[in-house]
Protein backbone atom coordinates (compact mmCIF):
# COMPACT_ATOMS: atom_id res chain seq x y z
CA MET A 1 -5.43 14.60 18.16
CA SER A 2 -3.27 13.90 21.15
CA THR A 3 0.29 14.73 22.06
CA ILE A 4 2.48 11.76 22.90
CA ASN A 5 6.06 11.30 24.01
CA ALA A 6 8.44 10.37 21.16
CA THR A 7 9.21 7.10 22.95
CA GLU A 8 5.56 6.04 22.34
CA ILE A 9 5.87 6.21 18.55
CA LYS A 10 4.90 2.91 16.91
CA LYS A 11 4.86 1.56 13.36
CA GLY A 12 1.66 2.44 11.49
CA MET A 13 0.87 5.58 13.51
CA THR A 14 -0.05 8.81 11.78
CA ILE A 15 1.76 11.79 13.27
CA LYS A 16 1.94 15.49 12.51
CA PHE A 17 5.50 16.69 11.92
CA ASN A 18 6.40 20.14 10.54
CA ASN A 19 2.67 20.73 9.84
CA GLU A 20 2.53 17.67 7.53
CA LEU A 21 0.93 14.27 8.09
CA TYR A 22 3.30 11.30 8.14
CA GLU A 23 2.78 7.56 8.47
CA VAL A 24 5.43 5.88 10.63
CA LEU A 25 7.05 3.12 8.57
CA ASP A 26 9.69 2.03 11.06
CA TYR A 27 11.29 3.16 14.29
CA ASP A 28 14.30 2.24 16.38
CA HIS A 29 15.10 3.15 20.00
CA ILE A 30 18.76 4.09 20.27
CA THR A 31 20.53 4.27 23.62
CA PRO A 32 24.19 5.11 22.92
CA GLY A 33 26.16 4.48 26.11
CA ASN A 34 25.85 7.35 28.57
CA TRP A 35 23.97 9.66 26.15
CA ARG A 36 20.26 10.28 26.29
CA ALA A 37 18.00 7.90 24.38
CA MET A 38 16.89 8.78 20.85
CA ILE A 39 14.19 7.44 18.57
CA GLN A 40 15.15 7.06 14.89
CA VAL A 41 11.92 7.22 12.84
CA LYS A 42 11.42 6.45 9.17
CA MET A 43 8.18 8.00 7.97
CA ARG A 44 6.26 8.61 4.74
CA ASN A 45 4.64 11.94 3.90
CA ILE A 46 1.01 11.10 3.20
CA LYS A 47 0.54 13.85 0.59
CA THR A 48 3.81 13.61 -1.35
CA ASN A 49 4.60 9.92 -0.65
CA SER A 50 8.25 10.86 0.02
CA THR A 51 10.08 9.21 2.91
CA LEU A 52 11.97 10.97 5.65
CA GLU A 53 14.17 9.79 8.48
CA TYR A 54 14.28 11.88 11.62
CA ARG A 55 15.87 11.38 15.01
CA PHE A 56 13.68 12.47 17.93
CA ARG A 57 15.05 12.97 21.43
CA SER A 58 13.30 10.91 24.07
CA SER A 59 11.96 14.12 25.64
CA ASP A 60 10.36 15.36 22.35
CA ARG A 61 6.57 15.41 22.02
CA VAL A 62 4.70 14.68 18.78
CA GLU A 63 1.06 14.97 17.75
CA GLN A 64 -0.58 11.64 17.07
CA MET A 65 -3.37 12.10 14.57
CA PRO A 66 -6.49 9.96 14.95
CA ILE A 67 -7.26 8.04 11.79
CA GLU A 68 -10.37 6.21 10.71
CA GLN A 69 -10.16 3.16 8.45
CA LEU A 70 -13.19 2.27 6.39
CA PRO A 71 -13.33 -0.98 4.40
CA ALA A 72 -14.34 -0.42 0.79
CA ALA A 73 -14.42 -2.17 -2.57
CA TYR A 74 -13.41 -0.71 -5.92
CA SER A 75 -16.50 -0.45 -8.13
CA TYR A 76 -15.69 1.36 -11.38
CA GLN A 77 -13.99 4.34 -13.02
CA LYS A 78 -16.20 7.32 -13.88
CA GLY A 79 -14.34 9.89 -15.98
CA SER A 80 -11.24 10.94 -14.05
CA SER A 81 -12.54 9.54 -10.75
CA LEU A 82 -12.57 6.10 -9.17
CA VAL A 83 -15.72 5.01 -7.36
CA PHE A 84 -15.44 2.89 -4.23
CA MET A 85 -18.29 1.40 -2.22
CA ASN A 86 -18.08 1.54 1.55
CA THR A 87 -18.71 -2.11 2.51
CA GLU A 88 -20.25 -1.16 5.87
CA ASN A 89 -22.96 1.30 4.80
CA TYR A 90 -22.90 0.79 0.98
CA GLU A 91 -22.32 4.48 0.25
CA GLU A 92 -20.28 5.34 -2.83
CA VAL A 93 -17.10 7.38 -2.42
CA SER A 94 -15.61 9.11 -5.47
CA VAL A 95 -11.83 9.62 -5.45
CA PRO A 96 -9.80 11.48 -8.12
CA ALA A 97 -7.63 9.02 -10.09
CA GLU A 98 -4.51 11.18 -9.58
CA PHE A 99 -4.99 10.82 -5.79
CA VAL A 100 -4.66 7.04 -6.15
CA GLY A 101 -1.72 7.27 -8.59
CA ASP A 102 -0.01 4.04 -9.68
CA LYS A 103 -2.09 1.96 -7.27
CA ILE A 104 -4.82 1.97 -9.92
CA LYS A 105 -2.95 -0.82 -11.72
CA TYR A 106 -3.84 -3.18 -8.86
CA PHE A 107 -7.60 -2.46 -8.92
CA SER A 108 -9.85 -5.10 -10.40
CA SER A 109 -13.61 -5.20 -9.97
CA ASN A 110 -14.61 -5.51 -6.29
CA GLN A 111 -10.97 -5.16 -5.12
CA SER A 112 -10.94 -4.70 -1.32
CA VAL A 113 -9.18 -1.57 -0.03
CA MET A 114 -9.09 0.55 3.10
CA LEU A 115 -10.06 4.21 2.87
CA ILE A 116 -7.99 6.07 5.46
CA TYR A 117 -9.43 9.31 6.85
CA CYS A 118 -7.84 11.92 9.13
CA ASP A 119 -9.83 14.96 10.30
CA SER A 120 -12.69 13.89 7.98
CA SER A 121 -10.40 14.10 4.93
CA LEU A 122 -9.40 11.11 2.84
CA ILE A 123 -5.62 10.78 3.16
CA ASN A 124 -4.92 7.36 1.64
CA VAL A 125 -6.38 4.45 -0.30
CA GLN A 126 -4.59 1.43 1.16
CA LEU A 127 -4.31 -1.79 -0.81
CA PRO A 128 -4.01 -5.23 0.77
CA VAL A 129 -0.48 -6.67 0.75
CA THR A 130 -1.36 -9.03 -2.12
CA VAL A 131 -3.94 -9.03 -4.90
CA ASP A 132 -5.02 -11.73 -7.34
CA LEU A 133 -5.08 -10.75 -11.02
CA LYS A 134 -5.61 -12.65 -14.27
CA ILE A 135 -2.89 -12.87 -16.92
CA ILE A 136 -4.18 -11.58 -20.25
CA GLU A 137 -1.03 -12.03 -22.32
CA THR A 138 2.34 -13.70 -21.91
CA ASP A 139 4.69 -15.87 -23.94
CA PRO A 140 3.78 -19.56 -24.10
CA PRO A 141 5.27 -21.68 -21.32
CA LEU A 142 8.51 -23.50 -21.99
CA LYS A 143 8.07 -27.28 -22.16
CA THR A 144 11.00 -27.84 -19.81
CA ALA A 145 10.09 -25.02 -17.40
CA THR A 146 9.70 -25.94 -13.77
CA ILE A 147 10.22 -23.75 -10.74
CA THR A 148 13.30 -21.82 -11.80
CA ASN A 149 14.63 -18.31 -11.75
CA VAL A 150 13.80 -17.73 -15.45
CA PHE A 151 11.20 -14.98 -15.78
CA LYS A 152 9.16 -13.51 -18.63
CA PRO A 153 6.88 -10.45 -18.84
CA ALA A 154 3.12 -10.91 -18.41
CA THR A 155 0.36 -8.35 -18.98
CA LEU A 156 -2.42 -8.53 -16.39
CA GLU A 157 -6.11 -7.64 -16.69
CA THR A 158 -5.46 -4.14 -15.31
CA GLY A 159 -2.64 -3.36 -17.75
CA LEU A 160 0.09 -3.96 -15.18
CA VAL A 161 3.14 -5.77 -16.58
CA VAL A 162 5.00 -8.04 -14.15
CA GLN A 163 7.75 -10.62 -14.41
CA VAL A 164 6.47 -14.17 -13.94
CA PRO A 165 8.19 -17.59 -13.98
CA ALA A 166 8.51 -19.27 -17.40
CA PHE A 167 5.95 -22.00 -16.55
CA VAL A 168 3.03 -19.56 -16.03
CA GLU A 169 0.44 -19.38 -18.83
CA SER A 170 -2.03 -16.82 -20.19
CA GLY A 171 -5.44 -17.06 -18.51
CA GLU A 172 -4.03 -18.07 -15.12
CA ILE A 173 -4.68 -16.05 -12.00
CA ILE A 174 -1.58 -15.02 -10.06
CA ARG A 175 -0.95 -13.31 -6.75
CA ILE A 176 1.01 -10.03 -6.85
CA ASP A 177 2.70 -8.19 -3.96
CA THR A 178 1.33 -4.63 -4.06
CA ARG A 179 4.33 -3.17 -2.22
CA ASP A 180 6.78 -3.84 -5.06
CA GLY A 181 4.71 -5.33 -7.91
CA SER A 182 6.40 -8.71 -7.76
CA TYR A 183 4.98 -12.15 -8.54
CA VAL A 184 4.20 -14.22 -5.42
CA GLU A 185 2.49 -17.40 -6.67
CA ARG A 186 -0.14 -18.95 -8.90
CA VAL A 187 -3.59 -19.02 -7.36
CA LYS A 188 -5.20 -22.42 -7.30
CA THR A 189 -8.69 -22.33 -8.78
CA GLN A 190 -11.03 -25.22 -8.05
């Protein structure tokens, strides 16, 4: 771990603040007239997932925590744990399902993720921005449906229910944004 000046804070960094680990979501350098510069930081508590906004003075120092990102693939669920395979050394990593939380609804077989470690402890299972999932059940498409703003619920292979356009059918594979669970597009298959 290294101590850095608050002006060096960047998006995506992991910092220690009030003895808790936070991921920096956004930052803004503020220089109000003849006052001293400030850095407005929006950050997410890695353990509780709550967000916090804090204004650092430019002279403040923060601890930047070194993180290690390991690429992995979701393999299977074993009891109350999820098993991931490290794609570099093929070792299996078991993670409690409650640690992953609602992200589990985006995991299909061989789903790529990043296992984020800090001080040799797993602190996050990071999903890609989008995932492709198959629709198991939805209402039949409307004959007159084209690209419109009419949506209907669709149940995906993982149990996740999302709103999809009226022209999408059961059995199709769609792309979902993992940040908010929204439909992005149909995935073209051969």
